[in-house]
């Protein structure tokens, strides 16, 4: 789903998406699931470039934090 589709689905359910902190998957089948049923939710996350409270995020492990001093 696109961001717009998610926002529309939340609005239809009467949910304001600004206060969401996580997700939960609930799978239901009135007849029950077979013992070998495997369910794998497929979700994709996109990191923000700023924190919700404002300001920059902490650099990750692949981000150089300082310029190394060249050997003498």
C-alpha atoms as a PDB file:
ATOM      1  CA  UNK A   1       0.000   0.000   0.000  1.00  0.00           C
ATOM      2  CA  UNK A   2       1.139   3.512  -0.656  1.00  0.00           C
ATOM      3  CA  UNK A   3       1.221   6.145   2.096  1.00  0.00           C
ATOM      4  CA  UNK A   4      -1.988   7.610   0.688  1.00  0.00           C
ATOM      5  CA  UNK A   5      -3.728   4.221   0.718  1.00  0.00           C
ATOM      6  CA  UNK A   6      -2.649   3.564   4.312  1.00  0.00           C
ATOM      7  CA  UNK A   7      -3.891   6.983   5.435  1.00  0.00           C
ATOM      8  CA  UNK A   8      -7.226   6.411   3.668  1.00  0.00           C
ATOM      9  CA  UNK A   9      -7.648   2.973   5.259  1.00  0.00           C
ATOM     10  CA  UNK A  10      -6.879   4.382   8.709  1.00  0.00           C
ATOM     11  CA  UNK A  11      -9.383   7.194   8.237  1.00  0.00           C
ATOM     12  CA  UNK A  12     -12.061   4.685   7.198  1.00  0.00           C
ATOM     13  CA  UNK A  13     -11.379   2.793  10.436  1.00  0.00           C
ATOM     14  CA  UNK A  14     -11.612   6.035  12.417  1.00  0.00           C
ATOM     15  CA  UNK A  15      -7.906   6.048  13.310  1.00  0.00           C
ATOM     16  CA  UNK A  16      -5.679   9.117  13.297  1.00  0.00           C
ATOM     17  CA  UNK A  17      -2.382   7.830  11.893  1.00  0.00           C
ATOM     18  CA  UNK A  18      -0.212  10.385  13.696  1.00  0.00           C
ATOM     19  CA  UNK A  19      -0.311   8.429  16.966  1.00  0.00           C
ATOM     20  CA  UNK A  20       0.628   4.987  15.649  1.00  0.00           C
ATOM     21  CA  UNK A  21       3.657   3.429  17.341  1.00  0.00           C
ATOM     22  CA  UNK A  22       3.553  -0.088  15.902  1.00  0.00           C
ATOM     23  CA  UNK A  23       1.579  -2.702  14.036  1.00  0.00           C
ATOM     24  CA  UNK A  24      -0.006  -6.033  14.911  1.00  0.00           C
ATOM     25  CA  UNK A  25      -1.171  -8.750  12.553  1.00  0.00           C
ATOM     26  CA  UNK A  26      -4.230 -10.828  13.454  1.00  0.00           C
ATOM     27  CA  UNK A  27      -5.204 -13.712  11.189  1.00  0.00           C
ATOM     28  CA  UNK A  28      -8.634 -15.270  11.511  1.00  0.00           C
ATOM     29  CA  UNK A  29     -10.249 -18.274   9.897  1.00  0.00           C
ATOM     30  CA  UNK A  30     -13.567 -19.544  11.246  1.00  0.00           C
ATOM     31  CA  UNK A  31     -12.735 -23.094  10.091  1.00  0.00           C
ATOM     32  CA  UNK A  32      -9.245 -22.921  11.614  1.00  0.00           C
ATOM     33  CA  UNK A  33      -5.888 -23.040   9.910  1.00  0.00           C
ATOM     34  CA  UNK A  34      -4.147 -26.223   8.812  1.00  0.00           C
ATOM     35  CA  UNK A  35      -1.202 -27.221  11.026  1.00  0.00           C
ATOM     36  CA  UNK A  36       1.264 -26.525   8.196  1.00  0.00           C
ATOM     37  CA  UNK A  37      -0.055 -23.027   7.426  1.00  0.00           C
ATOM     38  CA  UNK A  38       2.729 -20.468   7.149  1.00  0.00           C
ATOM     39  CA  UNK A  39       1.829 -16.789   7.203  1.00  0.00           C
ATOM     40  CA  UNK A  40       4.482 -14.205   6.380  1.00  0.00           C
ATOM     41  CA  UNK A  41       3.405 -10.568   6.467  1.00  0.00           C
ATOM     42  CA  UNK A  42       5.248  -8.476   3.899  1.00  0.00           C
ATOM     43  CA  UNK A  43       5.970  -5.009   5.240  1.00  0.00           C
ATOM     44  CA  UNK A  44       8.367  -2.321   4.077  1.00  0.00           C
ATOM     45  CA  UNK A  45       9.678   0.519   6.191  1.00  0.00           C
ATOM     46  CA  UNK A  46      11.074   3.858   5.131  1.00  0.00           C
ATOM     47  CA  UNK A  47      13.228   5.717   7.644  1.00  0.00           C
ATOM     48  CA  UNK A  48      12.602   9.397   8.183  1.00  0.00           C
ATOM     49  CA  UNK A  49      15.428  11.895   7.742  1.00  0.00           C
ATOM     50  CA  UNK A  50      14.325  13.755  10.889  1.00  0.00           C
ATOM     51  CA  UNK A  51      12.955  12.621  14.222  1.00  0.00           C
ATOM     52  CA  UNK A  52       9.256  13.070  14.970  1.00  0.00           C
ATOM     53  CA  UNK A  53      10.275  15.489  17.703  1.00  0.00           C
ATOM     54  CA  UNK A  54      12.500  17.428  15.276  1.00  0.00           C
ATOM     55  CA  UNK A  55      16.242  17.402  14.712  1.00  0.00           C
ATOM     56  CA  UNK A  56      18.534  15.063  12.831  1.00  0.00           C
ATOM     57  CA  UNK A  57      18.757  11.332  13.423  1.00  0.00           C
ATOM     58  CA  UNK A  58      21.880   9.722  14.866  1.00  0.00           C
ATOM     59  CA  UNK A  59      24.282   8.590  12.115  1.00  0.00           C
ATOM     60  CA  UNK A  60      24.157   4.844  11.456  1.00  0.00           C
ATOM     61  CA  UNK A  61      27.125   2.454  11.509  1.00  0.00           C
ATOM     62  CA  UNK A  62      27.785   3.042   7.809  1.00  0.00           C
ATOM     63  CA  UNK A  63      28.016   6.837   8.271  1.00  0.00           C
ATOM     64  CA  UNK A  64      31.422   8.332   8.910  1.00  0.00           C
ATOM     65  CA  UNK A  65      31.262  10.475  12.040  1.00  0.00           C
ATOM     66  CA  UNK A  66      34.650  12.091  11.798  1.00  0.00           C
ATOM     67  CA  UNK A  67      37.389  12.448   9.234  1.00  0.00           C
ATOM     68  CA  UNK A  68      40.239  10.038  10.044  1.00  0.00           C
ATOM     69  CA  UNK A  69      43.715  11.480  10.484  1.00  0.00           C
ATOM     70  CA  UNK A  70      46.022  10.297   7.692  1.00  0.00           C
ATOM     71  CA  UNK A  71      49.091   8.309   8.836  1.00  0.00           C
ATOM     72  CA  UNK A  72      52.332  10.298   9.183  1.00  0.00           C
END
